[in-house]
Amino acid sequence: MEHDVNLNIHYSAPQEIWRKIDDIYESMPYWDGTVQGAKWTGENINLWASVEPGGVQIAGVMPDDIWEEWYDELKEKLTVALGYEIGEPEDGFDFKYWE
């Protein structure tokens, strides 16, 4: 149920990339638009996203059966919108934007 992943989206990405990311975040199930920042909530769900030196971090609690589908959907939407394959750097996914 606890999840903590980093995605290959570097903090130095241009502003138009961040606008696309925000739109995708808001399109994902369990989006919580009532709080500041990127957050998804629901029954047994409390996920957040932040921008870290190692990439975009998504962490928190989500049941594993929901997580698998949700996380795959997020990566697919980001890949299509950003134009390069999104995944975890430790799995070999490279950063496109780098200072």
N, C-alpha and C. Protein backbone atom coordinates (compact mmCIF):
# COMPACT_ATOMS: atom_id res chain seq x y z
N MET A 1 0.80 -1.20 0.00
CA MET A 1 0.00 0.00 0.00
C MET A 1 0.84 1.27 0.00
N GLU A 2 2.03 1.24 0.60
CA GLU A 2 2.93 2.40 0.56
C GLU A 2 3.66 2.39 -0.77
N HIS A 3 3.70 3.54 -1.43
CA HIS A 3 4.38 3.67 -2.71
C HIS A 3 5.28 4.89 -2.67
N ASP A 4 6.42 4.78 -3.34
CA ASP A 4 7.36 5.89 -3.42
C ASP A 4 8.20 5.67 -4.68
N VAL A 5 7.91 6.45 -5.71
CA VAL A 5 8.61 6.32 -6.99
C VAL A 5 9.11 7.69 -7.45
N ASN A 6 10.13 7.65 -8.28
CA ASN A 6 10.63 8.85 -8.95
C ASN A 6 10.49 8.64 -10.44
N LEU A 7 10.07 9.68 -11.13
CA LEU A 7 9.93 9.64 -12.59
C LEU A 7 11.00 10.50 -13.24
N ASN A 8 11.33 10.18 -14.47
CA ASN A 8 12.40 10.87 -15.19
C ASN A 8 11.93 12.20 -15.77
N ILE A 9 11.42 13.04 -14.89
CA ILE A 9 11.03 14.40 -15.25
C ILE A 9 11.87 15.32 -14.37
N HIS A 10 12.81 16.00 -14.98
CA HIS A 10 13.78 16.82 -14.25
C HIS A 10 13.18 18.18 -13.91
N TYR A 11 13.58 18.72 -12.77
CA TYR A 11 13.04 20.01 -12.33
C TYR A 11 13.37 21.15 -13.28
N SER A 12 14.36 20.97 -14.16
CA SER A 12 14.73 22.04 -15.09
C SER A 12 13.91 22.02 -16.38
N ALA A 13 12.90 21.15 -16.46
CA ALA A 13 12.04 21.11 -17.65
C ALA A 13 11.39 22.48 -17.86
N PRO A 14 11.15 22.86 -19.12
CA PRO A 14 10.54 24.17 -19.39
C PRO A 14 9.11 24.28 -18.85
N GLN A 15 8.67 25.51 -18.68
CA GLN A 15 7.36 25.79 -18.09
C GLN A 15 6.22 25.12 -18.85
N GLU A 16 6.29 25.04 -20.19
CA GLU A 16 5.20 24.41 -20.94
C GLU A 16 5.07 22.93 -20.59
N ILE A 17 6.16 22.29 -20.20
CA ILE A 17 6.11 20.88 -19.76
C ILE A 17 5.36 20.79 -18.44
N TRP A 18 5.63 21.71 -17.54
CA TRP A 18 4.95 21.68 -16.23
C TRP A 18 3.46 21.93 -16.36
N ARG A 19 3.06 22.76 -17.33
CA ARG A 19 1.62 22.97 -17.56
C ARG A 19 0.96 21.68 -18.02
N LYS A 20 1.63 20.94 -18.90
CA LYS A 20 1.09 19.66 -19.36
C LYS A 20 1.01 18.66 -18.21
N ILE A 21 2.02 18.63 -17.38
CA ILE A 21 2.02 17.73 -16.23
C ILE A 21 0.87 18.06 -15.30
N ASP A 22 0.67 19.34 -15.02
CA ASP A 22 -0.45 19.75 -14.16
C ASP A 22 -1.79 19.28 -14.72
N ASP A 23 -1.97 19.43 -16.03
CA ASP A 23 -3.22 18.99 -16.66
C ASP A 23 -3.42 17.48 -16.50
N ILE A 24 -2.35 16.72 -16.65
CA ILE A 24 -2.45 15.27 -16.50
C ILE A 24 -2.74 14.90 -15.05
N TYR A 25 -2.06 15.53 -14.13
CA TYR A 25 -2.34 15.27 -12.72
C TYR A 25 -3.83 15.44 -12.44
N GLU A 26 -4.39 16.54 -12.92
CA GLU A 26 -5.80 16.84 -12.65
C GLU A 26 -6.74 15.85 -13.33
N SER A 27 -6.28 15.21 -14.40
CA SER A 27 -7.12 14.25 -15.12
C SER A 27 -7.13 12.87 -14.48
N MET A 28 -6.24 12.64 -13.54
CA MET A 28 -6.11 11.31 -12.94
C MET A 28 -7.18 11.06 -11.89
N PRO A 29 -7.65 9.80 -11.81
CA PRO A 29 -8.62 9.46 -10.77
C PRO A 29 -8.09 9.81 -9.38
N TYR A 30 -9.00 10.23 -8.52
CA TYR A 30 -8.74 10.56 -7.12
C TYR A 30 -8.07 11.92 -6.94
N TRP A 31 -7.99 12.73 -8.02
CA TRP A 31 -7.41 14.06 -7.91
C TRP A 31 -8.13 14.83 -6.81
N ASP A 32 -7.36 15.50 -5.97
CA ASP A 32 -7.93 16.32 -4.89
C ASP A 32 -7.58 17.77 -5.17
N GLY A 33 -8.48 18.46 -5.84
CA GLY A 33 -8.27 19.85 -6.19
C GLY A 33 -8.55 20.81 -5.07
N THR A 34 -8.85 20.30 -3.87
CA THR A 34 -9.18 21.18 -2.76
C THR A 34 -7.96 21.59 -1.95
N VAL A 35 -6.81 21.00 -2.27
CA VAL A 35 -5.58 21.33 -1.53
C VAL A 35 -4.56 21.91 -2.48
N GLN A 36 -3.60 22.63 -1.94
CA GLN A 36 -2.53 23.19 -2.76
C GLN A 36 -1.52 22.09 -3.05
N GLY A 37 -1.07 22.03 -4.28
CA GLY A 37 -0.11 21.01 -4.68
C GLY A 37 -0.80 19.82 -5.32
N ALA A 38 0.01 18.89 -5.77
CA ALA A 38 -0.51 17.71 -6.44
C ALA A 38 -0.81 16.63 -5.41
N LYS A 39 -2.10 16.28 -5.32
CA LYS A 39 -2.52 15.32 -4.31
C LYS A 39 -3.73 14.55 -4.81
N TRP A 40 -3.76 13.26 -4.47
CA TRP A 40 -4.89 12.39 -4.82
C TRP A 40 -5.33 11.71 -3.53
N THR A 41 -6.64 11.77 -3.28
CA THR A 41 -7.16 11.21 -2.04
C THR A 41 -8.43 10.40 -2.30
N GLY A 42 -8.75 9.55 -1.36
CA GLY A 42 -9.95 8.73 -1.41
C GLY A 42 -9.87 7.72 -0.28
N GLU A 43 -10.76 6.74 -0.31
CA GLU A 43 -10.74 5.71 0.72
C GLU A 43 -9.43 4.93 0.64
N ASN A 44 -8.64 5.00 1.69
CA ASN A 44 -7.32 4.36 1.76
C ASN A 44 -6.36 4.89 0.70
N ILE A 45 -6.57 6.13 0.24
CA ILE A 45 -5.71 6.74 -0.77
C ILE A 45 -5.25 8.11 -0.27
N ASN A 46 -3.97 8.29 -0.24
CA ASN A 46 -3.38 9.58 0.13
C ASN A 46 -2.01 9.67 -0.56
N LEU A 47 -2.02 10.11 -1.82
CA LEU A 47 -0.80 10.25 -2.62
C LEU A 47 -0.50 11.71 -2.84
N TRP A 48 0.77 12.02 -3.01
CA TRP A 48 1.19 13.38 -3.34
C TRP A 48 2.35 13.31 -4.32
N ALA A 49 2.58 14.40 -5.02
CA ALA A 49 3.71 14.50 -5.95
C ALA A 49 4.51 15.74 -5.60
N SER A 50 5.81 15.64 -5.79
CA SER A 50 6.69 16.79 -5.59
C SER A 50 7.83 16.72 -6.59
N VAL A 51 8.48 17.84 -6.79
CA VAL A 51 9.60 17.92 -7.71
C VAL A 51 10.88 17.89 -6.88
N GLU A 52 11.69 16.87 -7.13
CA GLU A 52 12.91 16.65 -6.36
C GLU A 52 14.11 16.61 -7.31
N PRO A 53 15.34 16.73 -6.78
CA PRO A 53 16.52 16.65 -7.65
C PRO A 53 16.60 15.34 -8.45
N GLY A 54 16.05 14.25 -7.92
CA GLY A 54 16.08 12.97 -8.61
C GLY A 54 14.90 12.74 -9.53
N GLY A 55 14.08 13.75 -9.76
CA GLY A 55 12.91 13.63 -10.63
C GLY A 55 11.63 13.91 -9.87
N VAL A 56 10.52 13.76 -10.57
CA VAL A 56 9.22 13.92 -9.93
C VAL A 56 9.00 12.73 -9.01
N GLN A 57 8.70 13.01 -7.75
CA GLN A 57 8.44 11.95 -6.78
C GLN A 57 6.95 11.85 -6.55
N ILE A 58 6.45 10.62 -6.57
CA ILE A 58 5.06 10.34 -6.21
C ILE A 58 5.11 9.34 -5.08
N ALA A 59 4.48 9.70 -3.97
CA ALA A 59 4.57 8.86 -2.79
C ALA A 59 3.27 8.92 -2.01
N GLY A 60 3.08 7.93 -1.17
CA GLY A 60 1.93 7.89 -0.29
C GLY A 60 1.30 6.53 -0.26
N VAL A 61 0.02 6.52 0.04
CA VAL A 61 -0.72 5.28 0.25
C VAL A 61 -1.79 5.13 -0.83
N MET A 62 -1.85 3.94 -1.41
CA MET A 62 -2.90 3.57 -2.35
C MET A 62 -2.93 2.04 -2.39
N PRO A 63 -4.10 1.43 -2.31
CA PRO A 63 -4.15 -0.03 -2.40
C PRO A 63 -3.46 -0.52 -3.68
N ASP A 64 -2.73 -1.61 -3.55
CA ASP A 64 -1.93 -2.12 -4.65
C ASP A 64 -2.74 -2.39 -5.91
N ASP A 65 -3.95 -2.92 -5.77
CA ASP A 65 -4.75 -3.22 -6.95
C ASP A 65 -5.15 -1.96 -7.71
N ILE A 66 -5.37 -0.86 -7.02
CA ILE A 66 -5.67 0.42 -7.66
C ILE A 66 -4.38 1.03 -8.20
N TRP A 67 -3.31 0.94 -7.43
CA TRP A 67 -2.03 1.54 -7.81
C TRP A 67 -1.56 1.06 -9.17
N GLU A 68 -1.58 -0.22 -9.40
CA GLU A 68 -1.04 -0.78 -10.65
C GLU A 68 -1.68 -0.11 -11.87
N GLU A 69 -2.98 -0.02 -11.88
CA GLU A 69 -3.69 0.59 -13.00
C GLU A 69 -3.47 2.11 -13.03
N TRP A 70 -3.55 2.73 -11.87
CA TRP A 70 -3.40 4.18 -11.77
C TRP A 70 -2.02 4.61 -12.25
N TYR A 71 -0.98 3.95 -11.76
CA TYR A 71 0.39 4.31 -12.10
C TYR A 71 0.69 4.07 -13.58
N ASP A 72 0.20 2.98 -14.13
CA ASP A 72 0.36 2.73 -15.57
C ASP A 72 -0.32 3.81 -16.39
N GLU A 73 -1.52 4.21 -15.98
CA GLU A 73 -2.26 5.26 -16.69
C GLU A 73 -1.49 6.59 -16.62
N LEU A 74 -0.97 6.92 -15.44
CA LEU A 74 -0.21 8.16 -15.28
C LEU A 74 1.00 8.17 -16.20
N LYS A 75 1.78 7.11 -16.20
CA LYS A 75 2.99 7.06 -17.05
C LYS A 75 2.62 7.13 -18.53
N GLU A 76 1.54 6.48 -18.93
CA GLU A 76 1.12 6.51 -20.34
C GLU A 76 0.70 7.92 -20.75
N LYS A 77 -0.10 8.56 -19.93
CA LYS A 77 -0.55 9.92 -20.24
C LYS A 77 0.64 10.89 -20.31
N LEU A 78 1.57 10.77 -19.37
CA LEU A 78 2.74 11.63 -19.38
C LEU A 78 3.61 11.37 -20.61
N THR A 79 3.79 10.12 -20.97
CA THR A 79 4.58 9.76 -22.15
C THR A 79 4.00 10.39 -23.40
N VAL A 80 2.69 10.28 -23.58
CA VAL A 80 2.04 10.85 -24.77
C VAL A 80 2.16 12.37 -24.77
N ALA A 81 1.87 13.00 -23.64
CA ALA A 81 1.86 14.46 -23.58
C ALA A 81 3.26 15.08 -23.70
N LEU A 82 4.25 14.42 -23.11
CA LEU A 82 5.59 15.01 -23.08
C LEU A 82 6.46 14.59 -24.26
N GLY A 83 6.07 13.53 -24.95
CA GLY A 83 6.78 13.13 -26.15
C GLY A 83 8.02 12.28 -25.93
N TYR A 84 8.18 11.76 -24.74
CA TYR A 84 9.27 10.81 -24.48
C TYR A 84 8.80 9.85 -23.39
N GLU A 85 9.42 8.66 -23.34
CA GLU A 85 8.95 7.62 -22.44
C GLU A 85 9.23 7.98 -20.99
N ILE A 86 8.17 7.94 -20.18
CA ILE A 86 8.27 8.27 -18.77
C ILE A 86 8.33 6.98 -17.95
N GLY A 87 9.27 6.96 -17.04
CA GLY A 87 9.44 5.82 -16.14
C GLY A 87 10.43 6.19 -15.05
N GLU A 88 10.85 5.19 -14.33
CA GLU A 88 11.75 5.42 -13.21
C GLU A 88 13.21 5.38 -13.69
N PRO A 89 14.00 6.41 -13.33
CA PRO A 89 15.40 6.45 -13.75
C PRO A 89 16.17 5.18 -13.36
N GLU A 90 15.87 4.62 -12.19
CA GLU A 90 16.59 3.42 -11.76
C GLU A 90 16.27 2.20 -12.63
N ASP A 91 15.20 2.31 -13.43
CA ASP A 91 14.86 1.25 -14.39
C ASP A 91 15.42 1.56 -15.78
N GLY A 92 16.24 2.60 -15.88
CA GLY A 92 16.89 2.92 -17.14
C GLY A 92 16.22 4.00 -17.98
N PHE A 93 15.21 4.67 -17.45
CA PHE A 93 14.54 5.74 -18.19
C PHE A 93 15.34 7.03 -18.03
N ASP A 94 15.74 7.59 -19.15
CA ASP A 94 16.59 8.78 -19.14
C ASP A 94 15.78 10.06 -19.01
N PHE A 95 16.43 11.08 -18.47
CA PHE A 95 15.86 12.42 -18.41
C PHE A 95 16.01 13.07 -19.77
N LYS A 96 14.98 13.77 -20.22
CA LYS A 96 15.08 14.51 -21.47
C LYS A 96 15.63 15.91 -21.21
N TYR A 97 15.19 16.51 -20.15
CA TYR A 97 15.63 17.86 -19.79
C TYR A 97 16.62 17.77 -18.65
N TRP A 98 17.70 18.43 -18.79
CA TRP A 98 18.74 18.41 -17.76
C TRP A 98 19.45 19.74 -17.84
N GLU A 99 19.74 20.33 -16.73
CA GLU A 99 20.41 21.63 -16.73
C GLU A 99 21.70 21.60 -17.50
